[in-house]
Amino acid sequence: MLFKAEIDIMPLKALLDPQGKAVTSSLKNLNLSEIENVRIGKHISLEIEAPSKEIATEKVEEACKKLLANHLMESYEFVLEEMTGAEA
């Protein structure tokens, strides 16, 4: 079975986000001061071949923990969906 994972990785809320601060400041300069607390992360999309959704979930978790996210500075969440014939 083929699955697609959409992974969002964000800096931990307790940590300073310099990119987010810079964007927040720039938005104020563009007269968009209503927008605050910008946080910038990354989005990763991947496909995985696995016999079941449970195994695919385990593999995505492992990839996030071992490579994609720095657990000291980032948190992650993902959505996993089975791909249909038209998507594959």
PDB file of N, CA and C in Angstrom:
ATOM      1  N   MET A   1       0.848  -1.173   0.000  1.00  0.00           N
ATOM      2  CA  MET A   1       0.000   0.000   0.000  1.00  0.00           C
ATOM      3  C   MET A   1       0.898   1.242   0.000  1.00  0.00           C
ATOM      4  N   LEU A   2       0.424   2.272  -0.687  1.00  0.00           N
ATOM      5  CA  LEU A   2       1.174   3.514  -0.776  1.00  0.00           C
ATOM      6  C   LEU A   2       0.483   4.591   0.059  1.00  0.00           C
ATOM      7  N   PHE A   3       1.264   5.258   0.898  1.00  0.00           N
ATOM      8  CA  PHE A   3       0.745   6.299   1.773  1.00  0.00           C
ATOM      9  C   PHE A   3       1.472   7.606   1.499  1.00  0.00           C
ATOM     10  N   LYS A   4       0.793   8.695   1.822  1.00  0.00           N
ATOM     11  CA  LYS A   4       1.400  10.017   1.721  1.00  0.00           C
ATOM     12  C   LYS A   4       1.369  10.648   3.106  1.00  0.00           C
ATOM     13  N   ALA A   5       2.526  11.171   3.528  1.00  0.00           N
ATOM     14  CA  ALA A   5       2.617  11.849   4.817  1.00  0.00           C
ATOM     15  C   ALA A   5       2.871  13.329   4.568  1.00  0.00           C
ATOM     16  N   GLU A   6       2.136  14.162   5.288  1.00  0.00           N
ATOM     17  CA  GLU A   6       2.331  15.612   5.290  1.00  0.00           C
ATOM     18  C   GLU A   6       2.812  15.961   6.695  1.00  0.00           C
ATOM     19  N   ILE A   7       4.072  16.404   6.799  1.00  0.00           N
ATOM     20  CA  ILE A   7       4.712  16.619   8.088  1.00  0.00           C
ATOM     21  C   ILE A   7       4.964  18.108   8.288  1.00  0.00           C
ATOM     22  N   ASP A   8       4.574  18.627   9.437  1.00  0.00           N
ATOM     23  CA  ASP A   8       4.862  20.009   9.810  1.00  0.00           C
ATOM     24  C   ASP A   8       5.836  19.999  10.981  1.00  0.00           C
ATOM     25  N   ILE A   9       6.948  20.717  10.808  1.00  0.00           N
ATOM     26  CA  ILE A   9       7.969  20.812  11.843  1.00  0.00           C
ATOM     27  C   ILE A   9       8.082  22.278  12.237  1.00  0.00           C
ATOM     28  N   MET A  10       7.956  22.531  13.536  1.00  0.00           N
ATOM     29  CA  MET A  10       7.968  23.906  14.043  1.00  0.00           C
ATOM     30  C   MET A  10       8.961  24.031  15.194  1.00  0.00           C
ATOM     31  N   PRO A  11       9.526  25.235  15.372  1.00  0.00           N
ATOM     32  CA  PRO A  11      10.374  25.431  16.554  1.00  0.00           C
ATOM     33  C   PRO A  11       9.535  25.291  17.819  1.00  0.00           C
ATOM     34  N   LEU A  12      10.146  24.779  18.877  1.00  0.00           N
ATOM     35  CA  LEU A  12       9.432  24.669  20.143  1.00  0.00           C
ATOM     36  C   LEU A  12       8.970  26.048  20.589  1.00  0.00           C
ATOM     37  N   LYS A  13       7.796  26.110  21.177  1.00  0.00           N
ATOM     38  CA  LYS A  13       7.218  27.391  21.599  1.00  0.00           C
ATOM     39  C   LYS A  13       8.093  28.115  22.617  1.00  0.00           C
ATOM     40  N   ALA A  14       8.843  27.388  23.408  1.00  0.00           N
ATOM     41  CA  ALA A  14       9.686  27.999  24.433  1.00  0.00           C
ATOM     42  C   ALA A  14      10.946  28.654  23.854  1.00  0.00           C
ATOM     43  N   LEU A  15      11.255  28.352  22.587  1.00  0.00           N
ATOM     44  CA  LEU A  15      12.475  28.876  21.978  1.00  0.00           C
ATOM     45  C   LEU A  15      12.197  30.096  21.123  1.00  0.00           C
ATOM     46  N   LEU A  16      13.176  30.972  21.050  1.00  0.00           N
ATOM     47  CA  LEU A  16      13.106  32.140  20.194  1.00  0.00           C
ATOM     48  C   LEU A  16      13.096  31.684  18.734  1.00  0.00           C
ATOM     49  N   ASP A  17      12.274  32.332  17.915  1.00  0.00           N
ATOM     50  CA  ASP A  17      12.204  32.048  16.480  1.00  0.00           C
ATOM     51  C   ASP A  17      12.657  33.308  15.740  1.00  0.00           C
ATOM     52  N   PRO A  18      13.970  33.440  15.442  1.00  0.00           N
ATOM     53  CA  PRO A  18      14.475  34.659  14.818  1.00  0.00           C
ATOM     54  C   PRO A  18      13.820  34.975  13.474  1.00  0.00           C
ATOM     55  N   GLN A  19      13.559  33.955  12.662  1.00  0.00           N
ATOM     56  CA  GLN A  19      12.895  34.203  11.381  1.00  0.00           C
ATOM     57  C   GLN A  19      11.487  34.744  11.601  1.00  0.00           C
ATOM     58  N   GLY A  20      10.779  34.153  12.528  1.00  0.00           N
ATOM     59  CA  GLY A  20       9.429  34.614  12.827  1.00  0.00           C
ATOM     60  C   GLY A  20       9.425  36.042  13.343  1.00  0.00           C
ATOM     61  N   LYS A  21      10.395  36.375  14.197  1.00  0.00           N
ATOM     62  CA  LYS A  21      10.501  37.746  14.715  1.00  0.00           C
ATOM     63  C   LYS A  21      10.773  38.734  13.586  1.00  0.00           C
ATOM     64  N   ALA A  22      11.660  38.359  12.656  1.00  0.00           N
ATOM     65  CA  ALA A  22      11.988  39.240  11.538  1.00  0.00           C
ATOM     66  C   ALA A  22      10.771  39.468  10.651  1.00  0.00           C
ATOM     67  N   VAL A  23      10.010  38.420  10.391  1.00  0.00           N
ATOM     68  CA  VAL A  23       8.808  38.557   9.565  1.00  0.00           C
ATOM     69  C   VAL A  23       7.762  39.399  10.286  1.00  0.00           C
ATOM     70  N   THR A  24       7.587  39.169  11.574  1.00  0.00           N
ATOM     71  CA  THR A  24       6.634  39.971  12.350  1.00  0.00           C
ATOM     72  C   THR A  24       6.999  41.452  12.261  1.00  0.00           C
ATOM     73  N   SER A  25       8.273  41.752  12.412  1.00  0.00           N
ATOM     74  CA  SER A  25       8.735  43.137  12.324  1.00  0.00           C
ATOM     75  C   SER A  25       8.489  43.720  10.936  1.00  0.00           C
ATOM     76  N   SER A  26       8.780  42.958   9.901  1.00  0.00           N
ATOM     77  CA  SER A  26       8.564  43.424   8.525  1.00  0.00           C
ATOM     78  C   SER A  26       7.092  43.660   8.236  1.00  0.00           C
ATOM     79  N   LEU A  27       6.225  42.820   8.785  1.00  0.00           N
ATOM     80  CA  LEU A  27       4.783  43.006   8.584  1.00  0.00           C
ATOM     81  C   LEU A  27       4.323  44.323   9.192  1.00  0.00           C
ATOM     82  N   LYS A  28       4.877  44.673  10.338  1.00  0.00           N
ATOM     83  CA  LYS A  28       4.531  45.959  10.970  1.00  0.00           C
ATOM     84  C   LYS A  28       4.954  47.122  10.063  1.00  0.00           C
ATOM     85  N   ASN A  29       6.122  46.983   9.413  1.00  0.00           N
ATOM     86  CA  ASN A  29       6.600  48.013   8.486  1.00  0.00           C
ATOM     87  C   ASN A  29       5.720  48.125   7.244  1.00  0.00           C
ATOM     88  N   LEU A  30       4.975  47.075   6.940  1.00  0.00           N
ATOM     89  CA  LEU A  30       4.064  47.069   5.789  1.00  0.00           C
ATOM     90  C   LEU A  30       2.636  47.434   6.190  1.00  0.00           C
ATOM     91  N   ASN A  31       2.492  48.033   7.376  1.00  0.00           N
ATOM     92  CA  ASN A  31       1.184  48.413   7.913  1.00  0.00           C
ATOM     93  C   ASN A  31       0.261  47.203   8.116  1.00  0.00           C
ATOM     94  N   LEU A  32       0.859  46.095   8.487  1.00  0.00           N
ATOM     95  CA  LEU A  32       0.098  44.882   8.810  1.00  0.00           C
ATOM     96  C   LEU A  32       0.335  44.525  10.279  1.00  0.00           C
ATOM     97  N   SER A  33       0.238  45.522  11.143  1.00  0.00           N
ATOM     98  CA  SER A  33       0.550  45.320  12.558  1.00  0.00           C
ATOM     99  C   SER A  33      -0.457  44.430  13.278  1.00  0.00           C
ATOM    100  N   GLU A  34      -1.573  44.126  12.621  1.00  0.00           N
ATOM    101  CA  GLU A  34      -2.559  43.217  13.227  1.00  0.00           C
ATOM    102  C   GLU A  34      -2.024  41.781  13.298  1.00  0.00           C
ATOM    103  N   ILE A  35      -1.027  41.486  12.474  1.00  0.00           N
ATOM    104  CA  ILE A  35      -0.444  40.133  12.443  1.00  0.00           C
ATOM    105  C   ILE A  35       0.700  40.082  13.440  1.00  0.00           C
ATOM    106  N   GLU A  36       0.618  39.118  14.371  1.00  0.00           N
ATOM    107  CA  GLU A  36       1.616  39.011  15.432  1.00  0.00           C
ATOM    108  C   GLU A  36       2.056  37.564  15.624  1.00  0.00           C
ATOM    109  N   ASN A  37       3.138  37.415  16.355  1.00  0.00           N
ATOM    110  CA  ASN A  37       3.628  36.096  16.785  1.00  0.00           C
ATOM    111  C   ASN A  37       3.807  35.110  15.634  1.00  0.00           C
ATOM    112  N   VAL A  38       4.449  35.557  14.567  1.00  0.00           N
ATOM    113  CA  VAL A  38       4.724  34.684  13.428  1.00  0.00           C
ATOM    114  C   VAL A  38       5.768  33.652  13.849  1.00  0.00           C
ATOM    115  N   ARG A  39       5.529  32.404  13.533  1.00  0.00           N
ATOM    116  CA  ARG A  39       6.487  31.316  13.765  1.00  0.00           C
ATOM    117  C   ARG A  39       6.718  30.658  12.418  1.00  0.00           C
ATOM    118  N   ILE A  40       7.957  30.405  12.092  1.00  0.00           N
ATOM    119  CA  ILE A  40       8.292  29.827  10.794  1.00  0.00           C
ATOM    120  C   ILE A  40       8.889  28.446  11.003  1.00  0.00           C
ATOM    121  N   GLY A  41       8.362  27.476  10.277  1.00  0.00           N
ATOM    122  CA  GLY A  41       8.838  26.103  10.352  1.00  0.00           C
ATOM    123  C   GLY A  41       9.047  25.554   8.961  1.00  0.00           C
ATOM    124  N   LYS A  42       8.915  24.255   8.841  1.00  0.00           N
ATOM    125  CA  LYS A  42       9.058  23.625   7.528  1.00  0.00           C
ATOM    126  C   LYS A  42       7.977  22.572   7.343  1.00  0.00           C
ATOM    127  N   HIS A  43       7.672  22.336   6.074  1.00  0.00           N
ATOM    128  CA  HIS A  43       6.666  21.341   5.710  1.00  0.00           C
ATOM    129  C   HIS A  43       7.346  20.320   4.811  1.00  0.00           C
ATOM    130  N   ILE A  44       7.158  19.054   5.128  1.00  0.00           N
ATOM    131  CA  ILE A  44       7.752  17.974   4.352  1.00  0.00           C
ATOM    132  C   ILE A  44       6.638  17.048   3.898  1.00  0.00           C
ATOM    133  N   SER A  45       6.643  16.721   2.633  1.00  0.00           N
ATOM    134  CA  SER A  45       5.684  15.785   2.061  1.00  0.00           C
ATOM    135  C   SER A  45       6.468  14.574   1.556  1.00  0.00           C
ATOM    136  N   LEU A  46       6.015  13.379   1.921  1.00  0.00           N
ATOM    137  CA  LEU A  46       6.712  12.187   1.440  1.00  0.00           C
ATOM    138  C   LEU A  46       5.727  11.055   1.192  1.00  0.00           C
ATOM    139  N   GLU A  47       6.164  10.126   0.379  1.00  0.00           N
ATOM    140  CA  GLU A  47       5.374   8.925   0.102  1.00  0.00           C
ATOM    141  C   GLU A  47       6.107   7.728   0.690  1.00  0.00           C
ATOM    142  N   ILE A  48       5.330   6.784   1.180  1.00  0.00           N
ATOM    143  CA  ILE A  48       5.922   5.606   1.818  1.00  0.00           C
ATOM    144  C   ILE A  48       5.137   4.364   1.427  1.00  0.00           C
ATOM    145  N   GLU A  49       5.859   3.339   1.082  1.00  0.00           N
ATOM    146  CA  GLU A  49       5.266   2.039   0.761  1.00  0.00           C
ATOM    147  C   GLU A  49       5.317   1.195   2.023  1.00  0.00           C
ATOM    148  N   ALA A  50       4.161   0.702   2.465  1.00  0.00           N
ATOM    149  CA  ALA A  50       4.097  -0.109   3.684  1.00  0.00           C
ATOM    150  C   ALA A  50       2.889  -1.037   3.600  1.00  0.00           C
ATOM    151  N   PRO A  51       2.938  -2.175   4.291  1.00  0.00           N
ATOM    152  CA  PRO A  51       1.824  -3.119   4.243  1.00  0.00           C
ATOM    153  C   PRO A  51       0.573  -2.658   4.993  1.00  0.00           C
ATOM    154  N   SER A  52       0.734  -1.694   5.920  1.00  0.00           N
ATOM    155  CA  SER A  52      -0.424  -1.218   6.674  1.00  0.00           C
ATOM    156  C   SER A  52      -0.192   0.229   7.108  1.00  0.00           C
ATOM    157  N   LYS A  53      -1.277   0.881   7.502  1.00  0.00           N
ATOM    158  CA  LYS A  53      -1.167   2.259   7.979  1.00  0.00           C
ATOM    159  C   LYS A  53      -0.373   2.327   9.274  1.00  0.00           C
ATOM    160  N   GLU A  54      -0.505   1.324  10.120  1.00  0.00           N
ATOM    161  CA  GLU A  54       0.219   1.303  11.385  1.00  0.00           C
ATOM    162  C   GLU A  54       1.726   1.271  11.153  1.00  0.00           C
ATOM    163  N   ILE A  55       2.166   0.448  10.228  1.00  0.00           N
ATOM    164  CA  ILE A  55       3.599   0.357   9.926  1.00  0.00           C
ATOM    165  C   ILE A  55       4.085   1.636   9.254  1.00  0.00           C
ATOM    166  N   ALA A  56       3.286   2.191   8.367  1.00  0.00           N
ATOM    167  CA  ALA A  56       3.653   3.462   7.731  1.00  0.00           C
ATOM    168  C   ALA A  56       3.798   4.558   8.786  1.00  0.00           C
ATOM    169  N   THR A  57       2.890   4.585   9.744  1.00  0.00           N
ATOM    170  CA  THR A  57       2.963   5.572  10.827  1.00  0.00           C
ATOM    171  C   THR A  57       4.257   5.399  11.620  1.00  0.00           C
ATOM    172  N   GLU A  58       4.608   4.171  11.938  1.00  0.00           N
ATOM    173  CA  GLU A  58       5.849   3.899  12.673  1.00  0.00           C
ATOM    174  C   GLU A  58       7.059   4.385  11.891  1.00  0.00           C
ATOM    175  N   LYS A  59       7.074   4.161  10.583  1.00  0.00           N
ATOM    176  CA  LYS A  59       8.209   4.565   9.752  1.00  0.00           C
ATOM    177  C   LYS A  59       8.324   6.080   9.663  1.00  0.00           C
ATOM    178  N   VAL A  60       7.199   6.769   9.552  1.00  0.00           N
ATOM    179  CA  VAL A  60       7.230   8.234   9.498  1.00  0.00           C
ATOM    180  C   VAL A  60       7.705   8.780  10.846  1.00  0.00           C
ATOM    181  N   GLU A  61       7.212   8.214  11.951  1.00  0.00           N
ATOM    182  CA  GLU A  61       7.667   8.614  13.288  1.00  0.00           C
ATOM    183  C   GLU A  61       9.181   8.446  13.403  1.00  0.00           C
ATOM    184  N   GLU A  62       9.676   7.318  12.951  1.00  0.00           N
ATOM    185  CA  GLU A  62      11.110   7.039  13.025  1.00  0.00           C
ATOM    186  C   GLU A  62      11.906   8.050  12.197  1.00  0.00           C
ATOM    187  N   ALA A  63      11.434   8.359  10.994  1.00  0.00           N
ATOM    188  CA  ALA A  63      12.116   9.333  10.140  1.00  0.00           C
ATOM    189  C   ALA A  63      12.142  10.704  10.804  1.00  0.00           C
ATOM    190  N   CYS A  64      11.039  11.095  11.415  1.00  0.00           N
ATOM    191  CA  CYS A  64      10.977  12.392  12.099  1.00  0.00           C
ATOM    192  C   CYS A  64      11.936  12.435  13.278  1.00  0.00           C
ATOM    193  N   LYS A  65      11.938  11.385  14.073  1.00  0.00           N
ATOM    194  CA  LYS A  65      12.772  11.354  15.273  1.00  0.00           C
ATOM    195  C   LYS A  65      14.266  11.257  14.958  1.00  0.00           C
ATOM    196  N   LYS A  66      14.607  10.500  13.911  1.00  0.00           N
ATOM    197  CA  LYS A  66      16.015  10.247  13.621  1.00  0.00           C
ATOM    198  C   LYS A  66      16.646  11.247  12.658  1.00  0.00           C
ATOM    199  N   LEU A  67      15.824  11.920  11.830  1.00  0.00           N
ATOM    200  CA  LEU A  67      16.423  12.752  10.796  1.00  0.00           C
ATOM    201  C   LEU A  67      15.719  14.086  10.556  1.00  0.00           C
ATOM    202  N   LEU A  68      14.414  14.067  10.414  1.00  0.00           N
ATOM    203  CA  LEU A  68      13.707  15.246   9.919  1.00  0.00           C
ATOM    204  C   LEU A  68      13.553  16.366  10.937  1.00  0.00           C
ATOM    205  N   ALA A  69      13.399  16.036  12.208  1.00  0.00           N
ATOM    206  CA  ALA A  69      13.188  17.056  13.247  1.00  0.00           C
ATOM    207  C   ALA A  69      14.275  16.948  14.313  1.00  0.00           C
ATOM    208  N   ASN A  70      14.727  18.083  14.778  1.00  0.00           N
ATOM    209  CA  ASN A  70      15.676  18.142  15.888  1.00  0.00           C
ATOM    210  C   ASN A  70      14.860  18.221  17.171  1.00  0.00           C
ATOM    211  N   HIS A  71      14.747  17.130  17.885  1.00  0.00           N
ATOM    212  CA  HIS A  71      13.850  17.074  19.044  1.00  0.00           C
ATOM    213  C   HIS A  71      14.239  18.037  20.167  1.00  0.00           C
ATOM    214  N   LEU A  72      15.456  18.560  20.157  1.00  0.00           N
ATOM    215  CA  LEU A  72      15.867  19.541  21.171  1.00  0.00           C
ATOM    216  C   LEU A  72      15.290  20.927  20.881  1.00  0.00           C
ATOM    217  N   MET A  73      14.992  21.197  19.600  1.00  0.00           N
ATOM    218  CA  MET A  73      14.562  22.536  19.207  1.00  0.00           C
ATOM    219  C   MET A  73      13.233  22.570  18.459  1.00  0.00           C
ATOM    220  N   GLU A  74      12.749  21.422  18.016  1.00  0.00           N
ATOM    221  CA  GLU A  74      11.568  21.395  17.147  1.00  0.00           C
ATOM    222  C   GLU A  74      10.557  20.349  17.607  1.00  0.00           C
ATOM    223  N   SER A  75       9.310  20.619  17.266  1.00  0.00           N
ATOM    224  CA  SER A  75       8.253  19.627  17.442  1.00  0.00           C
ATOM    225  C   SER A  75       7.712  19.301  16.051  1.00  0.00           C
ATOM    226  N   TYR A  76       7.034  18.181  15.942  1.00  0.00           N
ATOM    227  CA  TYR A  76       6.473  17.813  14.641  1.00  0.00           C
ATOM    228  C   TYR A  76       5.106  17.170  14.835  1.00  0.00           C
ATOM    229  N   GLU A  77       4.332  17.252  13.771  1.00  0.00           N
ATOM    230  CA  GLU A  77       3.071  16.506  13.689  1.00  0.00           C
ATOM    231  C   GLU A  77       2.872  16.157  12.230  1.00  0.00           C
ATOM    232  N   PHE A  78       2.120  15.085  11.995  1.00  0.00           N
ATOM    233  CA  PHE A  78       1.901  14.696  10.604  1.00  0.00           C
ATOM    234  C   PHE A  78       0.541  14.063  10.418  1.00  0.00           C
ATOM    235  N   VAL A  79       0.118  14.095   9.162  1.00  0.00           N
ATOM    236  CA  VAL A  79      -1.108  13.440   8.732  1.00  0.00           C
ATOM    237  C   VAL A  79      -0.683  12.388   7.703  1.00  0.00           C
ATOM    238  N   LEU A  80      -1.202  11.213   7.852  1.00  0.00           N
ATOM    239  CA  LEU A  80      -0.866  10.102   6.956  1.00  0.00           C
ATOM    240  C   LEU A  80      -2.137   9.615   6.297  1.00  0.00           C
ATOM    241  N   GLU A  81      -2.119   9.558   4.966  1.00  0.00           N
ATOM    242  CA  GLU A  81      -3.290   9.087   4.224  1.00  0.00           C
ATOM    243  C   GLU A  81      -2.885   8.063   3.188  1.00  0.00           C
ATOM    244  N   GLU A  82      -3.741   7.092   2.977  1.00  0.00           N
ATOM    245  CA  GLU A  82      -3.502   6.120   1.926  1.00  0.00           C
ATOM    246  C   GLU A  82      -3.767   6.777   0.579  1.00  0.00           C
ATOM    247  N   MET A  83      -2.864   6.558  -0.354  1.00  0.00           N
ATOM    248  CA  MET A  83      -3.030   7.126  -1.684  1.00  0.00           C
ATOM    249  C   MET A  83      -3.902   6.183  -2.530  1.00  0.00           C
ATOM    250  N   THR A  84      -4.797   6.784  -3.283  1.00  0.00           N
ATOM    251  CA  THR A  84      -5.665   5.992  -4.154  1.00  0.00           C
ATOM    252  C   THR A  84      -4.980   5.800  -5.505  1.00  0.00           C
ATOM    253  N   GLY A  85      -5.573   5.011  -6.353  1.00  0.00           N
ATOM    254  CA  GLY A  85      -5.024   4.743  -7.672  1.00  0.00           C
ATOM    255  C   GLY A  85      -4.771   5.987  -8.488  1.00  0.00           C
ATOM    256  N   ALA A  86      -5.657   6.975  -8.407  1.00  0.00           N
ATOM    257  CA  ALA A  86      -5.521   8.211  -9.183  1.00  0.00           C
ATOM    258  C   ALA A  86      -4.358   9.059  -8.673  1.00  0.00           C
ATOM    259  N   GLU A  87      -4.074   8.996  -7.374  1.00  0.00           N
ATOM    260  CA  GLU A  87      -2.999   9.802  -6.779  1.00  0.00           C
ATOM    261  C   GLU A  87      -1.636   9.143  -6.976  1.00  0.00           C
ATOM    262  N   ALA A  88      -1.614   7.837  -6.988  1.00  0.00           N
ATOM    263  CA  ALA A  88      -0.346   7.104  -7.036  1.00  0.00           C
ATOM    264  C   ALA A  88       0.325   7.189  -8.384  1.00  0.00           C
TER     265      ALA A  88
END
